[in-house]
């Protein structure tokens, strides 16, 4: 799954900002579950994407606010 996601995403963060510009980060990338694993998300190519650390942390904070423990 990891190799497929890396190739599909072009080895680049997939975050697209409000202006429609994709993040250019290509280092310190992290594999992110679109639907969080803890909430039943699968380890599949369709549910995993590359995000840089900055955008993954932002998403994590947003997810925690929407779905507190």
C-alpha atoms as a PDB file:
ATOM      1  CA  UNK A   1       0.000   0.000   0.000  1.00  0.00           C
ATOM      2  CA  UNK A   2       2.752   2.472   0.944  1.00  0.00           C
ATOM      3  CA  UNK A   3       4.608   2.130  -2.362  1.00  0.00           C
ATOM      4  CA  UNK A   4       1.381   2.465  -4.365  1.00  0.00           C
ATOM      5  CA  UNK A   5       0.319   5.571  -2.430  1.00  0.00           C
ATOM      6  CA  UNK A   6       3.775   7.137  -2.812  1.00  0.00           C
ATOM      7  CA  UNK A   7       3.705   6.599  -6.589  1.00  0.00           C
ATOM      8  CA  UNK A   8       0.085   7.732  -6.935  1.00  0.00           C
ATOM      9  CA  UNK A   9       0.703  10.930  -4.943  1.00  0.00           C
ATOM     10  CA  UNK A  10       3.953  11.637  -6.785  1.00  0.00           C
ATOM     11  CA  UNK A  11       6.011  11.661  -3.577  1.00  0.00           C
ATOM     12  CA  UNK A  12       4.409  14.979  -2.618  1.00  0.00           C
ATOM     13  CA  UNK A  13       2.013  16.253   0.043  1.00  0.00           C
ATOM     14  CA  UNK A  14      -1.563  16.023  -1.266  1.00  0.00           C
ATOM     15  CA  UNK A  15      -2.956  18.966   0.708  1.00  0.00           C
ATOM     16  CA  UNK A  16      -4.612  21.548  -1.537  1.00  0.00           C
ATOM     17  CA  UNK A  17      -5.130  24.971   0.022  1.00  0.00           C
ATOM     18  CA  UNK A  18      -8.154  27.252  -0.350  1.00  0.00           C
ATOM     19  CA  UNK A  19      -6.517  28.932  -3.354  1.00  0.00           C
ATOM     20  CA  UNK A  20      -6.342  25.562  -5.138  1.00  0.00           C
ATOM     21  CA  UNK A  21      -2.557  25.282  -4.892  1.00  0.00           C
ATOM     22  CA  UNK A  22      -1.127  21.930  -3.842  1.00  0.00           C
ATOM     23  CA  UNK A  23       1.511  21.862  -1.093  1.00  0.00           C
ATOM     24  CA  UNK A  24       4.949  21.408  -2.660  1.00  0.00           C
ATOM     25  CA  UNK A  25       6.513  19.498   0.267  1.00  0.00           C
ATOM     26  CA  UNK A  26       8.425  16.367  -0.739  1.00  0.00           C
ATOM     27  CA  UNK A  27      10.300  15.667   2.504  1.00  0.00           C
ATOM     28  CA  UNK A  28       9.178  14.473   5.926  1.00  0.00           C
ATOM     29  CA  UNK A  29       6.006  13.040   4.398  1.00  0.00           C
ATOM     30  CA  UNK A  30       3.599  10.973   6.463  1.00  0.00           C
ATOM     31  CA  UNK A  31       0.988   8.428   5.481  1.00  0.00           C
ATOM     32  CA  UNK A  32      -2.446   9.659   6.571  1.00  0.00           C
ATOM     33  CA  UNK A  33      -5.708   7.731   6.718  1.00  0.00           C
ATOM     34  CA  UNK A  34      -8.495   9.778   5.090  1.00  0.00           C
ATOM     35  CA  UNK A  35     -10.944   8.006   7.393  1.00  0.00           C
ATOM     36  CA  UNK A  36      -8.911   7.578  10.599  1.00  0.00           C
ATOM     37  CA  UNK A  37      -7.898   4.016  11.417  1.00  0.00           C
ATOM     38  CA  UNK A  38      -9.197   4.470  14.977  1.00  0.00           C
ATOM     39  CA  UNK A  39     -12.626   5.217  13.511  1.00  0.00           C
ATOM     40  CA  UNK A  40     -12.724   2.157  11.287  1.00  0.00           C
ATOM     41  CA  UNK A  41     -10.677   3.419   8.339  1.00  0.00           C
ATOM     42  CA  UNK A  42      -8.920   0.718   6.356  1.00  0.00           C
ATOM     43  CA  UNK A  43      -5.251   0.347   5.418  1.00  0.00           C
ATOM     44  CA  UNK A  44      -6.097   0.569   1.714  1.00  0.00           C
ATOM     45  CA  UNK A  45      -4.683   2.628  -1.127  1.00  0.00           C
ATOM     46  CA  UNK A  46      -8.036   4.419  -1.430  1.00  0.00           C
ATOM     47  CA  UNK A  47      -7.986   5.474   2.247  1.00  0.00           C
ATOM     48  CA  UNK A  48      -4.331   6.500   2.587  1.00  0.00           C
ATOM     49  CA  UNK A  49      -2.624   9.629   1.274  1.00  0.00           C
ATOM     50  CA  UNK A  50       0.640  11.500   1.708  1.00  0.00           C
ATOM     51  CA  UNK A  51       0.701  14.638   3.838  1.00  0.00           C
ATOM     52  CA  UNK A  52       3.639  16.677   5.072  1.00  0.00           C
ATOM     53  CA  UNK A  53       4.022  16.845   8.848  1.00  0.00           C
ATOM     54  CA  UNK A  54       2.497  20.330   9.030  1.00  0.00           C
ATOM     55  CA  UNK A  55      -0.682  19.392   7.189  1.00  0.00           C
ATOM     56  CA  UNK A  56      -1.011  16.046   8.971  1.00  0.00           C
ATOM     57  CA  UNK A  57      -0.855  17.812  12.369  1.00  0.00           C
ATOM     58  CA  UNK A  58      -3.478  20.327  11.243  1.00  0.00           C
ATOM     59  CA  UNK A  59      -5.749  17.514  10.098  1.00  0.00           C
ATOM     60  CA  UNK A  60      -5.244  15.642  13.371  1.00  0.00           C
ATOM     61  CA  UNK A  61      -6.281  18.705  15.401  1.00  0.00           C
ATOM     62  CA  UNK A  62      -9.338  19.225  13.167  1.00  0.00           C
ATOM     63  CA  UNK A  63     -10.346  15.557  13.469  1.00  0.00           C
ATOM     64  CA  UNK A  64     -10.020  15.608  17.268  1.00  0.00           C
ATOM     65  CA  UNK A  65     -12.269  18.675  17.490  1.00  0.00           C
ATOM     66  CA  UNK A  66     -14.941  17.017  15.337  1.00  0.00           C
ATOM     67  CA  UNK A  67     -14.707  13.614  17.041  1.00  0.00           C
ATOM     68  CA  UNK A  68     -13.558  14.026  20.667  1.00  0.00           C
ATOM     69  CA  UNK A  69     -12.936  10.841  22.671  1.00  0.00           C
END
